[in-house]
């Protein structure tokens, strides 16, 4: 029987997922995989099927709640929403004012996590190696896609939610970054800050449709081709580091909803060239410190998880 401590940890893991999903380039799915709740999350989502939903017709609420692992989902979603509504301003501030340490932190976190996950593959085959390579190449390609101009109509808000949520449950491919590519990131973030519940409800409806469909695909692949799928998911994480590279220069600009000039397209550059091209200090010391802090945090989580399993 799960304890209060277990559900408290699930809530904190949800907060970590929510914080990650706010940042373009970081996936909540990566955090779920790192935190050891990825399979449980997929199983819970897949619990929303016709058979279980039919229980609601006969008002078997308790049975339905148990079959979808309701307490786990409630704790996780509560943590995600807590982060989204409480940390949106903080994350936006860090992206604007301290991007180099922030991206360095997530680079360390994602890289060490990918290698820890790969370490758990017991049998390496040629297929697994190919899966890692494909995942890495695909994520690298996705993170090089330019943002597009898309309609701000309500129907597209629904579509954007359905597409973005698929990325949010895929480690390494950020739902926020997909929203950025779709030209909807600023709009959804502004809707959160403005408490625009109509836009958020449409977006959430799209997310619901997308996640209920796509989670079944991922679950099938994990069940039938476990090692190759883990390799593919880890490759997604490795390839996503291209987007997390801390030193970037804007190559194309656009005017945001607040009237500010923000980068539309960026290009990775070396820290040694950053001062000359951007006229800002590369903050190499802060970047290295944040990078190793991200690594240390994951290793600490891994150690605490092993201790909890031994209890």
C-alpha atoms as a PDB file:
ATOM      1  CA  UNK A   1       0.000   0.000   0.000  1.00  0.00           C
ATOM      2  CA  UNK A   2       1.588   3.302  -1.067  1.00  0.00           C
ATOM      3  CA  UNK A   3       2.353   5.594   1.836  1.00  0.00           C
ATOM      4  CA  UNK A   4       1.786   9.303   2.345  1.00  0.00           C
ATOM      5  CA  UNK A   5       5.539   9.763   1.744  1.00  0.00           C
ATOM      6  CA  UNK A   6       5.241   8.025  -1.628  1.00  0.00           C
ATOM      7  CA  UNK A   7       2.456  10.324  -2.758  1.00  0.00           C
ATOM      8  CA  UNK A   8       4.348  13.345  -1.447  1.00  0.00           C
ATOM      9  CA  UNK A   9       7.309  12.328  -3.609  1.00  0.00           C
ATOM     10  CA  UNK A  10       4.969  11.867  -6.579  1.00  0.00           C
ATOM     11  CA  UNK A  11       3.722  15.418  -6.060  1.00  0.00           C
ATOM     12  CA  UNK A  12       7.321  16.711  -6.029  1.00  0.00           C
ATOM     13  CA  UNK A  13       8.088  14.719  -9.188  1.00  0.00           C
ATOM     14  CA  UNK A  14       5.030  16.345 -10.770  1.00  0.00           C
ATOM     15  CA  UNK A  15       6.389  19.745  -9.807  1.00  0.00           C
ATOM     16  CA  UNK A  16       9.681  18.861 -11.487  1.00  0.00           C
ATOM     17  CA  UNK A  17       7.810  17.756 -14.623  1.00  0.00           C
ATOM     18  CA  UNK A  18       5.786  20.972 -14.667  1.00  0.00           C
ATOM     19  CA  UNK A  19       8.888  23.123 -14.270  1.00  0.00           C
ATOM     20  CA  UNK A  20      10.586  21.242 -17.117  1.00  0.00           C
ATOM     21  CA  UNK A  21       7.580  21.563 -19.419  1.00  0.00           C
ATOM     22  CA  UNK A  22       7.655  25.360 -19.087  1.00  0.00           C
ATOM     23  CA  UNK A  23      11.184  25.511 -20.539  1.00  0.00           C
ATOM     24  CA  UNK A  24      11.413  25.179 -24.349  1.00  0.00           C
ATOM     25  CA  UNK A  25      13.900  22.360 -24.963  1.00  0.00           C
ATOM     26  CA  UNK A  26      13.256  20.344 -21.785  1.00  0.00           C
ATOM     27  CA  UNK A  27      10.686  17.543 -21.673  1.00  0.00           C
ATOM     28  CA  UNK A  28       8.500  16.557 -18.756  1.00  0.00           C
ATOM     29  CA  UNK A  29       8.804  13.028 -20.141  1.00  0.00           C
ATOM     30  CA  UNK A  30      12.544  13.191 -19.450  1.00  0.00           C
ATOM     31  CA  UNK A  31      11.821  14.007 -15.794  1.00  0.00           C
ATOM     32  CA  UNK A  32       9.279  11.158 -15.574  1.00  0.00           C
ATOM     33  CA  UNK A  33      11.875   8.738 -16.966  1.00  0.00           C
ATOM     34  CA  UNK A  34      14.584  10.073 -14.632  1.00  0.00           C
ATOM     35  CA  UNK A  35      12.250   9.890 -11.628  1.00  0.00           C
ATOM     36  CA  UNK A  36      11.262   6.285 -12.338  1.00  0.00           C
ATOM     37  CA  UNK A  37       7.545   6.928 -12.913  1.00  0.00           C
ATOM     38  CA  UNK A  38       7.434   6.810 -16.728  1.00  0.00           C
ATOM     39  CA  UNK A  39       5.879   3.345 -17.040  1.00  0.00           C
ATOM     40  CA  UNK A  40       3.472   4.026 -14.172  1.00  0.00           C
ATOM     41  CA  UNK A  41       2.411   7.243 -15.878  1.00  0.00           C
ATOM     42  CA  UNK A  42       1.765   5.463 -19.181  1.00  0.00           C
ATOM     43  CA  UNK A  43      -0.193   2.676 -17.438  1.00  0.00           C
ATOM     44  CA  UNK A  44      -2.328   5.225 -15.595  1.00  0.00           C
ATOM     45  CA  UNK A  45      -3.082   7.145 -18.778  1.00  0.00           C
ATOM     46  CA  UNK A  46      -3.937   3.930 -20.595  1.00  0.00           C
ATOM     47  CA  UNK A  47      -6.415   3.172 -17.796  1.00  0.00           C
ATOM     48  CA  UNK A  48      -8.746   5.688 -19.439  1.00  0.00           C
ATOM     49  CA  UNK A  49     -10.268   3.159 -21.822  1.00  0.00           C
ATOM     50  CA  UNK A  50     -13.825   2.290 -22.852  1.00  0.00           C
ATOM     51  CA  UNK A  51     -14.118  -0.517 -20.317  1.00  0.00           C
ATOM     52  CA  UNK A  52     -13.063   1.639 -17.371  1.00  0.00           C
ATOM     53  CA  UNK A  53     -14.964   4.721 -18.521  1.00  0.00           C
ATOM     54  CA  UNK A  54     -18.137   2.599 -18.660  1.00  0.00           C
ATOM     55  CA  UNK A  55     -17.858   2.277 -14.867  1.00  0.00           C
ATOM     56  CA  UNK A  56     -18.788   5.950 -14.624  1.00  0.00           C
ATOM     57  CA  UNK A  57     -22.151   5.225 -16.251  1.00  0.00           C
ATOM     58  CA  UNK A  58     -23.074   2.947 -13.355  1.00  0.00           C
ATOM     59  CA  UNK A  59     -21.568   5.399 -10.842  1.00  0.00           C
ATOM     60  CA  UNK A  60     -18.801   2.981  -9.806  1.00  0.00           C
ATOM     61  CA  UNK A  61     -16.577   5.950  -9.059  1.00  0.00           C
ATOM     62  CA  UNK A  62     -14.374   4.169  -6.532  1.00  0.00           C
ATOM     63  CA  UNK A  63     -13.670   1.263  -8.908  1.00  0.00           C
ATOM     64  CA  UNK A  64     -12.882   3.644 -11.771  1.00  0.00           C
ATOM     65  CA  UNK A  65     -10.592   5.713  -9.544  1.00  0.00           C
ATOM     66  CA  UNK A  66      -8.652   2.588  -8.551  1.00  0.00           C
ATOM     67  CA  UNK A  67      -8.288   1.299 -12.126  1.00  0.00           C
ATOM     68  CA  UNK A  68      -6.798   4.552 -13.417  1.00  0.00           C
ATOM     69  CA  UNK A  69      -4.470   4.821 -10.401  1.00  0.00           C
ATOM     70  CA  UNK A  70      -6.321   7.997  -9.469  1.00  0.00           C
ATOM     71  CA  UNK A  71      -4.321   9.015  -6.405  1.00  0.00           C
ATOM     72  CA  UNK A  72      -1.043   8.778  -8.325  1.00  0.00           C
ATOM     73  CA  UNK A  73      -2.431  10.901 -11.176  1.00  0.00           C
ATOM     74  CA  UNK A  74      -4.006  13.389  -8.787  1.00  0.00           C
ATOM     75  CA  UNK A  75      -0.705  13.912  -6.945  1.00  0.00           C
ATOM     76  CA  UNK A  76       1.282  14.106 -10.195  1.00  0.00           C
ATOM     77  CA  UNK A  77      -1.086  16.500 -11.996  1.00  0.00           C
ATOM     78  CA  UNK A  78      -1.360  18.654  -8.845  1.00  0.00           C
ATOM     79  CA  UNK A  79       2.433  18.963  -8.803  1.00  0.00           C
ATOM     80  CA  UNK A  80       2.555  19.792 -12.533  1.00  0.00           C
ATOM     81  CA  UNK A  81      -0.139  22.478 -12.206  1.00  0.00           C
ATOM     82  CA  UNK A  82       1.529  23.912  -9.101  1.00  0.00           C
ATOM     83  CA  UNK A  83       4.737  24.444 -11.061  1.00  0.00           C
ATOM     84  CA  UNK A  84       3.026  25.813 -14.155  1.00  0.00           C
ATOM     85  CA  UNK A  85       1.033  28.430 -12.253  1.00  0.00           C
ATOM     86  CA  UNK A  86       3.655  29.308  -9.639  1.00  0.00           C
ATOM     87  CA  UNK A  87       6.892  29.054 -11.609  1.00  0.00           C
ATOM     88  CA  UNK A  88       5.931  30.452 -15.027  1.00  0.00           C
ATOM     89  CA  UNK A  89       7.116  33.912 -14.009  1.00  0.00           C
ATOM     90  CA  UNK A  90      10.330  32.584 -12.430  1.00  0.00           C
ATOM     91  CA  UNK A  91      11.227  30.432 -15.431  1.00  0.00           C
ATOM     92  CA  UNK A  92      10.457  33.295 -17.814  1.00  0.00           C
ATOM     93  CA  UNK A  93      12.717  35.556 -15.743  1.00  0.00           C
ATOM     94  CA  UNK A  94      15.568  33.026 -15.757  1.00  0.00           C
ATOM     95  CA  UNK A  95      15.248  32.493 -19.519  1.00  0.00           C
ATOM     96  CA  UNK A  96      15.389  36.260 -20.089  1.00  0.00           C
ATOM     97  CA  UNK A  97      17.981  37.268 -17.471  1.00  0.00           C
ATOM     98  CA  UNK A  98      20.144  34.190 -16.756  1.00  0.00           C
ATOM     99  CA  UNK A  99      19.833  31.881 -19.780  1.00  0.00           C
ATOM    100  CA  UNK A 100      23.390  30.510 -19.747  1.00  0.00           C
ATOM    101  CA  UNK A 101      23.316  28.964 -16.234  1.00  0.00           C
ATOM    102  CA  UNK A 102      19.733  27.735 -16.817  1.00  0.00           C
ATOM    103  CA  UNK A 103      20.542  25.947 -20.090  1.00  0.00           C
ATOM    104  CA  UNK A 104      23.796  24.600 -18.606  1.00  0.00           C
ATOM    105  CA  UNK A 105      21.899  23.158 -15.640  1.00  0.00           C
ATOM    106  CA  UNK A 106      19.427  21.358 -17.887  1.00  0.00           C
ATOM    107  CA  UNK A 107      22.216  20.161 -20.214  1.00  0.00           C
ATOM    108  CA  UNK A 108      23.957  18.437 -17.304  1.00  0.00           C
ATOM    109  CA  UNK A 109      20.691  17.041 -16.002  1.00  0.00           C
ATOM    110  CA  UNK A 110      19.587  15.612 -19.354  1.00  0.00           C
ATOM    111  CA  UNK A 111      22.983  14.204 -20.389  1.00  0.00           C
ATOM    112  CA  UNK A 112      23.657  12.294 -17.169  1.00  0.00           C
ATOM    113  CA  UNK A 113      20.060  11.047 -17.128  1.00  0.00           C
ATOM    114  CA  UNK A 114      20.331   9.663 -20.647  1.00  0.00           C
ATOM    115  CA  UNK A 115      23.502   7.747 -19.762  1.00  0.00           C
ATOM    116  CA  UNK A 116      21.977   6.401 -16.531  1.00  0.00           C
ATOM    117  CA  UNK A 117      18.970   5.134 -18.466  1.00  0.00           C
ATOM    118  CA  UNK A 118      21.193   3.532 -21.116  1.00  0.00           C
ATOM    119  CA  UNK A 119      23.167   1.864 -18.317  1.00  0.00           C
ATOM    120  CA  UNK A 120      20.059  -0.108 -17.360  1.00  0.00           C
ATOM    121  CA  UNK A 121      19.832  -1.805 -20.771  1.00  0.00           C
ATOM    122  CA  UNK A 122      20.933  -5.349 -19.953  1.00  0.00           C
ATOM    123  CA  UNK A 123      21.389  -6.649 -23.510  1.00  0.00           C
ATOM    124  CA  UNK A 124      22.883  -4.455 -26.189  1.00  0.00           C
ATOM    125  CA  UNK A 125      22.133  -5.493 -29.748  1.00  0.00           C
ATOM    126  CA  UNK A 126      22.683  -3.877 -33.130  1.00  0.00           C
ATOM    127  CA  UNK A 127      19.006  -2.854 -33.096  1.00  0.00           C
ATOM    128  CA  UNK A 128      19.415  -1.028 -29.773  1.00  0.00           C
ATOM    129  CA  UNK A 129      22.463   0.871 -31.076  1.00  0.00           C
ATOM    130  CA  UNK A 130      20.520   1.869 -34.200  1.00  0.00           C
ATOM    131  CA  UNK A 131      17.568   2.974 -32.031  1.00  0.00           C
ATOM    132  CA  UNK A 132      19.852   5.245 -29.970  1.00  0.00           C
ATOM    133  CA  UNK A 133      21.328   6.715 -33.165  1.00  0.00           C
ATOM    134  CA  UNK A 134      17.892   7.276 -34.731  1.00  0.00           C
ATOM    135  CA  UNK A 135      16.549   8.913 -31.559  1.00  0.00           C
ATOM    136  CA  UNK A 136      19.575  11.205 -31.318  1.00  0.00           C
ATOM    137  CA  UNK A 137      19.428  12.190 -34.992  1.00  0.00           C
ATOM    138  CA  UNK A 138      15.663  12.776 -34.921  1.00  0.00           C
ATOM    139  CA  UNK A 139      15.789  14.998 -31.821  1.00  0.00           C
ATOM    140  CA  UNK A 140      18.734  16.913 -33.302  1.00  0.00           C
ATOM    141  CA  UNK A 141      16.719  17.475 -36.491  1.00  0.00           C
ATOM    142  CA  UNK A 142      13.576  18.568 -34.608  1.00  0.00           C
ATOM    143  CA  UNK A 143      15.526  21.082 -32.519  1.00  0.00           C
ATOM    144  CA  UNK A 144      16.859  22.670 -35.724  1.00  0.00           C
ATOM    145  CA  UNK A 145      13.385  23.263 -37.163  1.00  0.00           C
ATOM    146  CA  UNK A 146      12.513  26.970 -37.428  1.00  0.00           C
ATOM    147  CA  UNK A 147       9.386  28.352 -35.718  1.00  0.00           C
ATOM    148  CA  UNK A 148       6.446  28.953 -38.029  1.00  0.00           C
ATOM    149  CA  UNK A 149       3.623  31.467 -38.178  1.00  0.00           C
ATOM    150  CA  UNK A 150       0.314  29.748 -37.396  1.00  0.00           C
ATOM    151  CA  UNK A 151      -3.242  30.974 -36.793  1.00  0.00           C
ATOM    152  CA  UNK A 152      -4.336  32.083 -33.318  1.00  0.00           C
ATOM    153  CA  UNK A 153      -7.786  30.590 -33.876  1.00  0.00           C
ATOM    154  CA  UNK A 154      -9.259  28.455 -31.120  1.00  0.00           C
ATOM    155  CA  UNK A 155      -9.327  25.329 -33.326  1.00  0.00           C
ATOM    156  CA  UNK A 156      -5.555  25.523 -33.749  1.00  0.00           C
ATOM    157  CA  UNK A 157      -5.116  25.897 -29.981  1.00  0.00           C
ATOM    158  CA  UNK A 158      -6.778  22.473 -29.690  1.00  0.00           C
ATOM    159  CA  UNK A 159      -4.557  20.999 -32.450  1.00  0.00           C
ATOM    160  CA  UNK A 160      -1.409  22.482 -30.887  1.00  0.00           C
ATOM    161  CA  UNK A 161      -2.310  20.863 -27.556  1.00  0.00           C
ATOM    162  CA  UNK A 162      -2.782  17.451 -29.185  1.00  0.00           C
ATOM    163  CA  UNK A 163       0.609  17.668 -30.936  1.00  0.00           C
ATOM    164  CA  UNK A 164       2.551  19.212 -28.052  1.00  0.00           C
ATOM    165  CA  UNK A 165       1.398  16.677 -25.454  1.00  0.00           C
ATOM    166  CA  UNK A 166       2.859  13.862 -27.577  1.00  0.00           C
ATOM    167  CA  UNK A 167       6.237  15.543 -27.214  1.00  0.00           C
ATOM    168  CA  UNK A 168       5.679  16.203 -23.525  1.00  0.00           C
ATOM    169  CA  UNK A 169       5.532  12.464 -22.788  1.00  0.00           C
ATOM    170  CA  UNK A 170       8.510  11.744 -25.036  1.00  0.00           C
ATOM    171  CA  UNK A 171      11.815  12.187 -23.183  1.00  0.00           C
ATOM    172  CA  UNK A 172      14.081  14.718 -24.824  1.00  0.00           C
ATOM    173  CA  UNK A 173      11.520  16.276 -27.155  1.00  0.00           C
ATOM    174  CA  UNK A 174      10.021  19.253 -25.376  1.00  0.00           C
ATOM    175  CA  UNK A 175       6.339  20.044 -25.685  1.00  0.00           C
ATOM    176  CA  UNK A 176       7.211  23.695 -25.063  1.00  0.00           C
ATOM    177  CA  UNK A 177       9.667  23.611 -27.950  1.00  0.00           C
ATOM    178  CA  UNK A 178       7.018  22.045 -30.212  1.00  0.00           C
ATOM    179  CA  UNK A 179       4.696  24.906 -29.214  1.00  0.00           C
ATOM    180  CA  UNK A 180       7.509  27.301 -30.124  1.00  0.00           C
ATOM    181  CA  UNK A 181       7.861  25.661 -33.558  1.00  0.00           C
ATOM    182  CA  UNK A 182       4.062  25.869 -33.989  1.00  0.00           C
ATOM    183  CA  UNK A 183       4.144  29.556 -33.060  1.00  0.00           C
ATOM    184  CA  UNK A 184       1.922  28.976 -30.007  1.00  0.00           C
ATOM    185  CA  UNK A 185       4.372  29.043 -27.092  1.00  0.00           C
ATOM    186  CA  UNK A 186       4.050  32.741 -26.240  1.00  0.00           C
ATOM    187  CA  UNK A 187       0.254  32.593 -26.587  1.00  0.00           C
ATOM    188  CA  UNK A 188      -0.173  29.640 -24.210  1.00  0.00           C
ATOM    189  CA  UNK A 189       2.282  31.057 -21.665  1.00  0.00           C
ATOM    190  CA  UNK A 190       0.453  34.394 -21.783  1.00  0.00           C
ATOM    191  CA  UNK A 191      -2.848  32.560 -21.292  1.00  0.00           C
ATOM    192  CA  UNK A 192      -1.402  30.991 -18.127  1.00  0.00           C
ATOM    193  CA  UNK A 193      -0.221  34.364 -16.823  1.00  0.00           C
ATOM    194  CA  UNK A 194      -3.527  36.075 -17.748  1.00  0.00           C
ATOM    195  CA  UNK A 195      -5.671  33.185 -16.415  1.00  0.00           C
ATOM    196  CA  UNK A 196      -7.348  32.936 -19.854  1.00  0.00           C
ATOM    197  CA  UNK A 197      -9.315  29.805 -18.977  1.00  0.00           C
ATOM    198  CA  UNK A 198     -11.084  29.456 -22.346  1.00  0.00           C
ATOM    199  CA  UNK A 199      -7.778  29.197 -24.233  1.00  0.00           C
ATOM    200  CA  UNK A 200      -6.356  26.921 -21.532  1.00  0.00           C
ATOM    201  CA  UNK A 201      -9.456  24.678 -21.601  1.00  0.00           C
ATOM    202  CA  UNK A 202      -9.212  24.232 -25.379  1.00  0.00           C
ATOM    203  CA  UNK A 203      -5.497  23.564 -25.120  1.00  0.00           C
ATOM    204  CA  UNK A 204      -6.091  21.043 -22.300  1.00  0.00           C
ATOM    205  CA  UNK A 205      -8.785  19.295 -24.379  1.00  0.00           C
ATOM    206  CA  UNK A 206      -6.321  18.862 -27.222  1.00  0.00           C
ATOM    207  CA  UNK A 207      -3.733  17.577 -24.756  1.00  0.00           C
ATOM    208  CA  UNK A 208      -6.234  15.029 -23.426  1.00  0.00           C
ATOM    209  CA  UNK A 209      -7.012  13.650 -26.885  1.00  0.00           C
ATOM    210  CA  UNK A 210      -3.339  13.532 -27.848  1.00  0.00           C
ATOM    211  CA  UNK A 211      -2.057  11.893 -24.687  1.00  0.00           C
ATOM    212  CA  UNK A 212      -4.760   9.195 -24.571  1.00  0.00           C
ATOM    213  CA  UNK A 213      -3.874   8.214 -28.144  1.00  0.00           C
ATOM    214  CA  UNK A 214      -0.096   8.496 -28.118  1.00  0.00           C
ATOM    215  CA  UNK A 215       0.511   6.856 -24.728  1.00  0.00           C
ATOM    216  CA  UNK A 216      -0.854   3.599 -26.118  1.00  0.00           C
ATOM    217  CA  UNK A 217       1.674   3.688 -28.954  1.00  0.00           C
ATOM    218  CA  UNK A 218       4.595   4.202 -26.540  1.00  0.00           C
ATOM    219  CA  UNK A 219       3.282   1.487 -24.185  1.00  0.00           C
ATOM    220  CA  UNK A 220       3.059  -0.987 -27.061  1.00  0.00           C
ATOM    221  CA  UNK A 221       6.634  -0.259 -28.143  1.00  0.00           C
ATOM    222  CA  UNK A 222       7.935  -0.641 -24.569  1.00  0.00           C
ATOM    223  CA  UNK A 223       6.087  -3.928 -24.191  1.00  0.00           C
ATOM    224  CA  UNK A 224       7.202  -5.446 -27.512  1.00  0.00           C
ATOM    225  CA  UNK A 225      10.630  -3.859 -28.029  1.00  0.00           C
ATOM    226  CA  UNK A 226      11.676  -2.709 -24.551  1.00  0.00           C
ATOM    227  CA  UNK A 227      15.447  -2.287 -24.941  1.00  0.00           C
ATOM    228  CA  UNK A 228      15.220  -0.685 -28.391  1.00  0.00           C
ATOM    229  CA  UNK A 229      12.492   1.691 -27.200  1.00  0.00           C
ATOM    230  CA  UNK A 230      14.524   2.700 -24.136  1.00  0.00           C
ATOM    231  CA  UNK A 231      17.461   3.287 -26.495  1.00  0.00           C
ATOM    232  CA  UNK A 232      15.248   5.418 -28.751  1.00  0.00           C
ATOM    233  CA  UNK A 233      13.939   7.477 -25.809  1.00  0.00           C
ATOM    234  CA  UNK A 234      17.481   7.976 -24.496  1.00  0.00           C
ATOM    235  CA  UNK A 235      18.567   9.058 -27.976  1.00  0.00           C
ATOM    236  CA  UNK A 236      15.828  11.683 -27.940  1.00  0.00           C
ATOM    237  CA  UNK A 237      17.335  13.038 -24.713  1.00  0.00           C
ATOM    238  CA  UNK A 238      20.882  13.070 -26.115  1.00  0.00           C
ATOM    239  CA  UNK A 239      19.803  14.819 -29.329  1.00  0.00           C
ATOM    240  CA  UNK A 240      17.842  17.455 -27.440  1.00  0.00           C
ATOM    241  CA  UNK A 241      21.076  18.843 -25.961  1.00  0.00           C
ATOM    242  CA  UNK A 242      21.487  20.665 -29.286  1.00  0.00           C
ATOM    243  CA  UNK A 243      18.610  22.928 -28.222  1.00  0.00           C
ATOM    244  CA  UNK A 244      19.964  23.284 -24.668  1.00  0.00           C
ATOM    245  CA  UNK A 245      23.411  24.576 -25.722  1.00  0.00           C
ATOM    246  CA  UNK A 246      23.837  27.692 -23.540  1.00  0.00           C
ATOM    247  CA  UNK A 247      25.661  29.996 -25.978  1.00  0.00           C
ATOM    248  CA  UNK A 248      23.450  31.135 -28.829  1.00  0.00           C
ATOM    249  CA  UNK A 249      23.232  34.097 -31.147  1.00  0.00           C
ATOM    250  CA  UNK A 250      19.987  35.343 -32.684  1.00  0.00           C
ATOM    251  CA  UNK A 251      19.925  35.127 -36.466  1.00  0.00           C
ATOM    252  CA  UNK A 252      16.340  36.319 -36.940  1.00  0.00           C
ATOM    253  CA  UNK A 253      14.099  38.370 -34.665  1.00  0.00           C
ATOM    254  CA  UNK A 254      10.396  38.945 -34.095  1.00  0.00           C
ATOM    255  CA  UNK A 255       8.250  41.240 -31.965  1.00  0.00           C
ATOM    256  CA  UNK A 256       6.605  39.427 -29.043  1.00  0.00           C
ATOM    257  CA  UNK A 257       3.080  40.095 -27.738  1.00  0.00           C
ATOM    258  CA  UNK A 258       4.611  42.479 -25.170  1.00  0.00           C
ATOM    259  CA  UNK A 259       6.296  44.512 -27.930  1.00  0.00           C
ATOM    260  CA  UNK A 260       9.832  43.247 -27.218  1.00  0.00           C
ATOM    261  CA  UNK A 261      12.280  41.967 -29.816  1.00  0.00           C
ATOM    262  CA  UNK A 262      12.902  38.248 -29.217  1.00  0.00           C
ATOM    263  CA  UNK A 263      15.011  35.748 -31.219  1.00  0.00           C
ATOM    264  CA  UNK A 264      13.017  33.919 -33.897  1.00  0.00           C
ATOM    265  CA  UNK A 265      15.951  31.774 -35.029  1.00  0.00           C
ATOM    266  CA  UNK A 266      19.181  31.079 -33.128  1.00  0.00           C
ATOM    267  CA  UNK A 267      22.551  29.533 -33.874  1.00  0.00           C
ATOM    268  CA  UNK A 268      24.869  27.775 -31.406  1.00  0.00           C
ATOM    269  CA  UNK A 269      28.292  29.364 -30.983  1.00  0.00           C
ATOM    270  CA  UNK A 270      31.363  28.658 -28.865  1.00  0.00           C
ATOM    271  CA  UNK A 271      31.677  30.431 -25.493  1.00  0.00           C
ATOM    272  CA  UNK A 272      34.974  31.914 -26.700  1.00  0.00           C
ATOM    273  CA  UNK A 273      33.065  33.715 -29.498  1.00  0.00           C
ATOM    274  CA  UNK A 274      30.149  34.804 -27.306  1.00  0.00           C
ATOM    275  CA  UNK A 275      31.646  38.081 -26.075  1.00  0.00           C
ATOM    276  CA  UNK A 276      32.645  39.177 -29.562  1.00  0.00           C
ATOM    277  CA  UNK A 277      29.323  38.314 -31.215  1.00  0.00           C
ATOM    278  CA  UNK A 278      26.804  39.041 -28.444  1.00  0.00           C
ATOM    279  CA  UNK A 279      28.760  41.613 -26.433  1.00  0.00           C
ATOM    280  CA  UNK A 280      27.975  39.794 -23.182  1.00  0.00           C
ATOM    281  CA  UNK A 281      30.157  37.782 -20.814  1.00  0.00           C
ATOM    282  CA  UNK A 282      29.966  34.022 -21.516  1.00  0.00           C
ATOM    283  CA  UNK A 283      29.603  33.324 -17.754  1.00  0.00           C
ATOM    284  CA  UNK A 284      31.720  30.220 -18.163  1.00  0.00           C
ATOM    285  CA  UNK A 285      32.202  29.717 -14.413  1.00  0.00           C
ATOM    286  CA  UNK A 286      28.456  29.902 -13.721  1.00  0.00           C
ATOM    287  CA  UNK A 287      27.792  27.608 -16.685  1.00  0.00           C
ATOM    288  CA  UNK A 288      30.224  24.923 -15.476  1.00  0.00           C
ATOM    289  CA  UNK A 289      28.866  25.168 -11.933  1.00  0.00           C
ATOM    290  CA  UNK A 290      25.242  24.881 -13.120  1.00  0.00           C
ATOM    291  CA  UNK A 291      26.159  21.976 -15.433  1.00  0.00           C
ATOM    292  CA  UNK A 292      27.679  19.940 -12.613  1.00  0.00           C
ATOM    293  CA  UNK A 293      24.844  20.929 -10.274  1.00  0.00           C
ATOM    294  CA  UNK A 294      22.424  19.361 -12.767  1.00  0.00           C
ATOM    295  CA  UNK A 295      24.546  16.198 -12.853  1.00  0.00           C
ATOM    296  CA  UNK A 296      24.786  16.104  -9.058  1.00  0.00           C
ATOM    297  CA  UNK A 297      21.051  16.580  -8.634  1.00  0.00           C
ATOM    298  CA  UNK A 298      20.255  13.583 -10.842  1.00  0.00           C
ATOM    299  CA  UNK A 299      22.824  11.410  -9.072  1.00  0.00           C
ATOM    300  CA  UNK A 300      21.332  12.463  -5.715  1.00  0.00           C
ATOM    301  CA  UNK A 301      17.820  11.569  -6.919  1.00  0.00           C
ATOM    302  CA  UNK A 302      19.121   8.216  -8.168  1.00  0.00           C
ATOM    303  CA  UNK A 303      20.760   7.517  -4.789  1.00  0.00           C
ATOM    304  CA  UNK A 304      17.636   8.511  -2.828  1.00  0.00           C
ATOM    305  CA  UNK A 305      15.452   6.342  -5.076  1.00  0.00           C
ATOM    306  CA  UNK A 306      17.693   3.312  -4.456  1.00  0.00           C
ATOM    307  CA  UNK A 307      17.515   3.958  -0.709  1.00  0.00           C
ATOM    308  CA  UNK A 308      13.712   4.138  -0.797  1.00  0.00           C
ATOM    309  CA  UNK A 309      13.537   0.855  -2.729  1.00  0.00           C
ATOM    310  CA  UNK A 310      15.628  -0.839  -0.017  1.00  0.00           C
ATOM    311  CA  UNK A 311      13.212   0.244   2.749  1.00  0.00           C
END
